[in-house]
Amino acid sequence: MQVIVNGEQRELPEGTTALQMLETLKVQPERVVVELNLTILKRAQLPGAVLKEGDRVEIIHFVGGGSPQAVLTDTPRMR
């Protein structure tokens, strides 16, 4: 079946769940949020969310970072 994942068409076997799709794409479920047809799925819903022909899936990755020298304070930094 054809589904659209992050704007690209993908071929997946009939009956593929959202969790299986992530496994196929080698994406760790705990590091992403999955949106299926404009609805955000809870992580517990991934194993039971069966994808259908034409579904639109967005996989949103968490990104962290910042400067290791950054310090959170209530006062502005002086240079």
N, C-alpha and C. Protein backbone atom coordinates (compact mmCIF):
# COMPACT_ATOMS: atom_id res chain seq x y z
N MET A 1 0.85 -1.18 0.00
CA MET A 1 0.00 0.00 0.00
C MET A 1 0.89 1.23 0.00
N GLN A 2 0.36 2.33 -0.51
CA GLN A 2 1.08 3.59 -0.57
C GLN A 2 0.62 4.51 0.57
N VAL A 3 1.58 5.01 1.33
CA VAL A 3 1.31 6.03 2.34
C VAL A 3 2.32 7.16 2.11
N ILE A 4 2.01 8.32 2.64
CA ILE A 4 2.92 9.46 2.52
C ILE A 4 3.54 9.70 3.90
N VAL A 5 4.86 9.61 3.95
CA VAL A 5 5.59 9.79 5.20
C VAL A 5 6.50 11.01 5.04
N ASN A 6 6.24 12.02 5.84
CA ASN A 6 7.01 13.27 5.77
C ASN A 6 7.10 13.79 4.34
N GLY A 7 5.97 13.73 3.63
CA GLY A 7 5.88 14.29 2.29
C GLY A 7 6.36 13.39 1.18
N GLU A 8 6.86 12.19 1.50
CA GLU A 8 7.35 11.27 0.47
C GLU A 8 6.50 10.01 0.43
N GLN A 9 6.18 9.54 -0.78
CA GLN A 9 5.42 8.29 -0.90
C GLN A 9 6.29 7.12 -0.50
N ARG A 10 5.69 6.22 0.26
CA ARG A 10 6.37 4.99 0.70
C ARG A 10 5.45 3.81 0.44
N GLU A 11 6.05 2.71 0.10
CA GLU A 11 5.32 1.46 -0.09
C GLU A 11 5.49 0.63 1.18
N LEU A 12 4.37 0.27 1.81
CA LEU A 12 4.39 -0.56 3.01
C LEU A 12 3.43 -1.72 2.81
N PRO A 13 3.68 -2.85 3.47
CA PRO A 13 2.75 -3.97 3.37
C PRO A 13 1.40 -3.63 4.00
N GLU A 14 0.33 -4.20 3.45
CA GLU A 14 -1.01 -4.03 4.04
C GLU A 14 -0.96 -4.45 5.50
N GLY A 15 -1.68 -3.72 6.35
CA GLY A 15 -1.76 -4.08 7.76
C GLY A 15 -0.61 -3.58 8.62
N THR A 16 0.29 -2.80 8.03
CA THR A 16 1.42 -2.26 8.79
C THR A 16 0.90 -1.28 9.84
N THR A 17 1.41 -1.41 11.06
CA THR A 17 1.04 -0.47 12.11
C THR A 17 2.04 0.68 12.13
N ALA A 18 1.69 1.73 12.85
CA ALA A 18 2.60 2.87 12.98
C ALA A 18 3.91 2.44 13.63
N LEU A 19 3.84 1.55 14.61
CA LEU A 19 5.06 1.07 15.26
C LEU A 19 5.92 0.27 14.29
N GLN A 20 5.30 -0.60 13.50
CA GLN A 20 6.05 -1.38 12.51
C GLN A 20 6.71 -0.47 11.47
N MET A 21 6.00 0.58 11.08
CA MET A 21 6.56 1.53 10.13
C MET A 21 7.83 2.17 10.70
N LEU A 22 7.77 2.58 11.98
CA LEU A 22 8.95 3.17 12.61
C LEU A 22 10.10 2.17 12.64
N GLU A 23 9.79 0.91 12.97
CA GLU A 23 10.83 -0.12 13.00
C GLU A 23 11.45 -0.30 11.62
N THR A 24 10.60 -0.31 10.58
CA THR A 24 11.09 -0.44 9.20
C THR A 24 12.02 0.70 8.84
N LEU A 25 11.68 1.90 9.30
CA LEU A 25 12.48 3.09 9.01
C LEU A 25 13.66 3.26 9.98
N LYS A 26 13.79 2.31 10.92
CA LYS A 26 14.85 2.35 11.93
C LYS A 26 14.79 3.63 12.77
N VAL A 27 13.57 3.96 13.17
CA VAL A 27 13.33 5.14 14.01
C VAL A 27 12.91 4.66 15.39
N GLN A 28 13.53 5.19 16.43
CA GLN A 28 13.19 4.81 17.79
C GLN A 28 11.93 5.56 18.22
N PRO A 29 10.87 4.83 18.59
CA PRO A 29 9.59 5.48 18.95
C PRO A 29 9.71 6.48 20.09
N GLU A 30 10.62 6.24 21.02
CA GLU A 30 10.73 7.15 22.16
C GLU A 30 11.39 8.47 21.80
N ARG A 31 11.89 8.59 20.58
CA ARG A 31 12.56 9.82 20.15
C ARG A 31 11.75 10.65 19.16
N VAL A 32 10.51 10.23 18.90
CA VAL A 32 9.69 10.93 17.91
C VAL A 32 8.25 11.05 18.37
N VAL A 33 7.53 11.91 17.67
CA VAL A 33 6.08 11.98 17.78
C VAL A 33 5.55 11.63 16.40
N VAL A 34 4.48 10.83 16.36
CA VAL A 34 3.89 10.43 15.09
C VAL A 34 2.53 11.09 14.95
N GLU A 35 2.35 11.76 13.81
CA GLU A 35 1.07 12.37 13.47
C GLU A 35 0.49 11.57 12.31
N LEU A 36 -0.72 11.07 12.50
CA LEU A 36 -1.40 10.28 11.47
C LEU A 36 -2.64 11.04 11.03
N ASN A 37 -2.65 11.47 9.78
CA ASN A 37 -3.79 12.22 9.23
C ASN A 37 -4.19 13.38 10.13
N LEU A 38 -3.19 14.17 10.54
CA LEU A 38 -3.37 15.39 11.35
C LEU A 38 -3.74 15.12 12.80
N THR A 39 -3.64 13.86 13.26
CA THR A 39 -3.91 13.52 14.65
C THR A 39 -2.64 12.97 15.27
N ILE A 40 -2.22 13.56 16.38
CA ILE A 40 -1.02 13.08 17.06
C ILE A 40 -1.37 11.81 17.83
N LEU A 41 -0.55 10.78 17.59
CA LEU A 41 -0.77 9.50 18.27
C LEU A 41 0.02 9.46 19.57
N LYS A 42 -0.61 8.93 20.62
CA LYS A 42 0.12 8.68 21.85
C LYS A 42 1.00 7.46 21.61
N ARG A 43 2.11 7.39 22.31
CA ARG A 43 3.04 6.27 22.11
C ARG A 43 2.33 4.93 22.30
N ALA A 44 1.41 4.85 23.25
CA ALA A 44 0.68 3.59 23.50
C ALA A 44 -0.22 3.20 22.33
N GLN A 45 -0.56 4.16 21.46
CA GLN A 45 -1.43 3.88 20.32
C GLN A 45 -0.66 3.33 19.12
N LEU A 46 0.65 3.47 19.09
CA LEU A 46 1.44 3.08 17.92
C LEU A 46 1.26 1.62 17.50
N PRO A 47 1.25 0.66 18.46
CA PRO A 47 1.11 -0.74 18.03
C PRO A 47 -0.26 -1.06 17.43
N GLY A 48 -1.29 -0.31 17.77
CA GLY A 48 -2.64 -0.60 17.28
C GLY A 48 -3.10 0.29 16.14
N ALA A 49 -2.29 1.27 15.77
CA ALA A 49 -2.67 2.20 14.70
C ALA A 49 -2.29 1.59 13.35
N VAL A 50 -3.26 0.95 12.71
CA VAL A 50 -3.03 0.29 11.42
C VAL A 50 -3.13 1.33 10.32
N LEU A 51 -2.08 1.41 9.51
CA LEU A 51 -2.05 2.37 8.41
C LEU A 51 -2.88 1.86 7.25
N LYS A 52 -3.46 2.81 6.51
CA LYS A 52 -4.29 2.47 5.36
C LYS A 52 -3.78 3.20 4.13
N GLU A 53 -4.14 2.69 2.97
CA GLU A 53 -3.78 3.30 1.69
C GLU A 53 -4.07 4.80 1.71
N GLY A 54 -3.09 5.60 1.35
CA GLY A 54 -3.28 7.04 1.25
C GLY A 54 -3.10 7.82 2.54
N ASP A 55 -2.85 7.12 3.66
CA ASP A 55 -2.64 7.83 4.92
C ASP A 55 -1.44 8.77 4.80
N ARG A 56 -1.52 9.85 5.58
CA ARG A 56 -0.43 10.82 5.66
C ARG A 56 0.16 10.75 7.06
N VAL A 57 1.45 10.49 7.11
CA VAL A 57 2.15 10.34 8.38
C VAL A 57 3.26 11.38 8.45
N GLU A 58 3.34 12.05 9.57
CA GLU A 58 4.46 12.95 9.83
C GLU A 58 5.20 12.40 11.04
N ILE A 59 6.51 12.25 10.90
CA ILE A 59 7.35 11.82 12.01
C ILE A 59 8.15 13.03 12.45
N ILE A 60 7.91 13.46 13.67
CA ILE A 60 8.56 14.66 14.19
C ILE A 60 9.62 14.23 15.19
N HIS A 61 10.88 14.55 14.89
CA HIS A 61 12.01 14.17 15.73
C HIS A 61 12.25 15.23 16.79
N PHE A 62 12.57 14.77 18.00
CA PHE A 62 12.98 15.68 19.05
C PHE A 62 14.42 16.08 18.81
N VAL A 63 14.71 17.35 18.96
CA VAL A 63 16.07 17.85 18.78
C VAL A 63 16.45 18.61 20.04
N GLY A 64 17.57 18.27 20.59
CA GLY A 64 18.05 18.97 21.77
C GLY A 64 19.39 19.60 21.45
N GLY A 65 19.80 20.45 22.29
CA GLY A 65 21.12 21.02 22.05
C GLY A 65 21.28 22.34 22.75
N GLY A 66 22.29 23.01 22.33
CA GLY A 66 22.62 24.29 22.93
C GLY A 66 24.10 24.30 23.25
N SER A 67 24.54 25.39 23.70
CA SER A 67 25.95 25.54 24.02
C SER A 67 26.25 24.88 25.36
N PRO A 68 27.33 24.11 25.44
CA PRO A 68 27.68 23.52 26.73
C PRO A 68 28.08 24.59 27.75
N GLN A 69 28.45 25.80 27.28
CA GLN A 69 28.80 26.88 28.20
C GLN A 69 27.57 27.66 28.68
N ALA A 70 26.42 27.39 28.07
CA ALA A 70 25.22 28.14 28.44
C ALA A 70 24.81 27.80 29.87
N VAL A 71 24.50 28.83 30.61
CA VAL A 71 24.06 28.65 31.99
C VAL A 71 22.75 29.41 32.14
N LEU A 72 21.76 28.75 32.70
CA LEU A 72 20.48 29.41 32.92
C LEU A 72 20.54 30.19 34.23
N THR A 73 20.35 31.49 34.14
CA THR A 73 20.32 32.34 35.33
C THR A 73 19.23 33.38 35.16
N ASP A 74 18.96 34.08 36.24
CA ASP A 74 17.98 35.15 36.20
C ASP A 74 18.61 36.48 35.80
N THR A 75 19.94 36.53 35.74
CA THR A 75 20.61 37.79 35.42
C THR A 75 21.29 37.69 34.06
N PRO A 76 21.33 38.81 33.33
CA PRO A 76 22.01 38.80 32.04
C PRO A 76 23.51 38.58 32.21
N ARG A 77 24.12 37.99 31.20
CA ARG A 77 25.56 37.75 31.24
C ARG A 77 26.31 38.99 30.78
N MET A 78 27.39 39.28 31.45
CA MET A 78 28.26 40.39 31.08
C MET A 78 29.44 39.81 30.31
N ARG A 79 29.90 40.53 29.29
CA ARG A 79 31.07 40.07 28.54
C ARG A 79 32.25 40.93 28.82
